C-alpha atoms as a PDB file:
ATOM      1  CA  MET A   1      17.458 -78.746 -40.428  1.00  0.00           C
ATOM      2  CA  SER A   2      15.224 -81.806 -39.999  1.00  0.00           C
ATOM      3  CA  LYS A   3      13.550 -83.527 -42.902  1.00  0.00           C
ATOM      4  CA  PRO A   4      10.015 -82.160 -43.493  1.00  0.00           C
ATOM      5  CA  THR A   5       7.126 -84.359 -42.446  1.00  0.00           C
ATOM      6  CA  ASP A   6       5.180 -86.082 -45.209  1.00  0.00           C
ATOM      7  CA  ILE A   7       2.235 -83.729 -45.668  1.00  0.00           C
ATOM      8  CA  THR A   8      -0.183 -86.545 -46.489  1.00  0.00           C
ATOM      9  CA  LYS A   9       0.283 -87.873 -42.949  1.00  0.00           C
ATOM     10  CA  LEU A  10      -0.681 -84.595 -41.285  1.00  0.00           C
ATOM     11  CA  THR A  11      -4.053 -83.952 -39.697  1.00  0.00           C
ATOM     12  CA  PHE A  12      -5.889 -80.808 -40.711  1.00  0.00           C
ATOM     13  CA  GLU A  13      -4.816 -79.087 -37.502  1.00  0.00           C
ATOM     14  CA  GLU A  14      -1.165 -80.068 -37.922  1.00  0.00           C
ATOM     15  CA  ALA A  15      -1.105 -78.857 -41.530  1.00  0.00           C
ATOM     16  CA  ARG A  16      -2.888 -75.608 -40.621  1.00  0.00           C
ATOM     17  CA  ASP A  17      -0.456 -74.904 -37.782  1.00  0.00           C
ATOM     18  CA  GLU A  18       2.574 -75.646 -39.952  1.00  0.00           C
ATOM     19  CA  LEU A  19       1.148 -73.434 -42.702  1.00  0.00           C
ATOM     20  CA  ALA A  20       0.744 -70.581 -40.215  1.00  0.00           C
ATOM     21  CA  GLY A  21       4.390 -71.073 -39.241  1.00  0.00           C
ATOM     22  CA  VAL A  22       5.504 -71.025 -42.868  1.00  0.00           C
ATOM     23  CA  VAL A  23       3.603 -67.786 -43.476  1.00  0.00           C
ATOM     24  CA  ALA A  24       5.095 -66.177 -40.373  1.00  0.00           C
ATOM     25  CA  ASN A  25       8.553 -67.333 -41.421  1.00  0.00           C
ATOM     26  CA  LEU A  26       8.145 -65.862 -44.907  1.00  0.00           C
ATOM     27  CA  GLU A  27       6.751 -62.611 -43.526  1.00  0.00           C
ATOM     28  CA  SER A  28       9.732 -62.219 -41.216  1.00  0.00           C
ATOM     29  CA  GLY A  29      11.978 -61.978 -44.276  1.00  0.00           C
ATOM     30  CA  GLY A  30      15.716 -62.263 -44.337  1.00  0.00           C
ATOM     31  CA  HIS A  31      15.810 -65.574 -46.179  1.00  0.00           C
ATOM     32  CA  SER A  32      17.712 -66.409 -49.325  1.00  0.00           C
ATOM     33  CA  LEU A  33      15.718 -66.768 -52.510  1.00  0.00           C
ATOM     34  CA  GLU A  34      16.245 -70.538 -52.416  1.00  0.00           C
ATOM     35  CA  THR A  35      14.947 -70.805 -48.845  1.00  0.00           C
ATOM     36  CA  SER A  36      12.010 -68.504 -49.575  1.00  0.00           C
ATOM     37  CA  LEU A  37      11.007 -70.592 -52.595  1.00  0.00           C
ATOM     38  CA  ALA A  38      11.242 -73.814 -50.579  1.00  0.00           C
ATOM     39  CA  LEU A  39       9.049 -72.292 -47.866  1.00  0.00           C
ATOM     40  CA  TRP A  40       6.565 -71.048 -50.467  1.00  0.00           C
ATOM     41  CA  GLU A  41       6.357 -74.479 -52.104  1.00  0.00           C
ATOM     42  CA  ARG A  42       5.836 -76.169 -48.732  1.00  0.00           C
ATOM     43  CA  GLY A  43       3.133 -73.621 -47.943  1.00  0.00           C
ATOM     44  CA  GLU A  44       1.350 -74.310 -51.223  1.00  0.00           C
ATOM     45  CA  LEU A  45       1.363 -78.050 -50.508  1.00  0.00           C
ATOM     46  CA  LEU A  46       0.114 -77.489 -46.958  1.00  0.00           C
ATOM     47  CA  ALA A  47      -2.675 -75.202 -48.186  1.00  0.00           C
ATOM     48  CA  ALA A  48      -3.770 -77.794 -50.746  1.00  0.00           C
ATOM     49  CA  HIS A  49      -3.763 -80.501 -48.071  1.00  0.00           C
ATOM     50  CA  CYS A  50      -5.913 -78.332 -45.790  1.00  0.00           C
ATOM     51  CA  GLN A  51      -8.312 -77.698 -48.653  1.00  0.00           C
ATOM     52  CA  GLN A  52      -8.640 -81.455 -49.253  1.00  0.00           C
ATOM     53  CA  TRP A  53      -9.584 -81.925 -45.599  1.00  0.00           C
ATOM     54  CA  LEU A  54     -12.171 -79.144 -45.832  1.00  0.00           C
ATOM     55  CA  ASP A  55     -13.623 -80.487 -49.070  1.00  0.00           C
ATOM     56  CA  SER A  56     -13.948 -83.933 -47.514  1.00  0.00           C
ATOM     57  CA  ALA A  57     -15.658 -82.511 -44.431  1.00  0.00           C
ATOM     58  CA  ARG A  58     -18.055 -80.519 -46.618  1.00  0.00           C
ATOM     59  CA  LYS A  59     -18.991 -83.669 -48.562  1.00  0.00           C
ATOM     60  CA  GLN A  60     -19.648 -85.540 -45.318  1.00  0.00           C
ATOM     61  CA  ILE A  61     -21.920 -82.733 -44.098  1.00  0.00           C
ATOM     62  CA  VAL A  62     -23.870 -82.661 -47.361  1.00  0.00           C
ATOM     63  CA  THR A  63     -24.232 -86.461 -47.240  1.00  0.00           C
ATOM     64  CA  ALA A  64     -25.437 -86.342 -43.637  1.00  0.00           C
ATOM     65  CA  GLU A  65     -27.903 -83.561 -44.403  1.00  0.00           C
ATOM     66  CA  SER A  66     -29.259 -85.473 -47.408  1.00  0.00           C
ATOM     67  CA  ALA A  67     -29.671 -88.643 -45.347  1.00  0.00           C
ATOM     68  CA  SER A  68     -31.644 -86.816 -42.659  1.00  0.00           C
ATOM     69  CA  GLU A  69     -34.202 -85.366 -45.102  1.00  0.00           C
END
């Protein structure tokens, strides 16, 4: 198994796609508890990273809208 990519270096799209893979992997089942927990933790970190990207984009939109008024 390769070493996981540093989440902070992922684009929104990369993190979203990896998160979708983690969810699919967990839903498929058949993993040990240890593996399932590691996947869950990675998924939580990916979800938080995606949320940071979305929050940043939302702030930029609000700033742009305020500047155009």
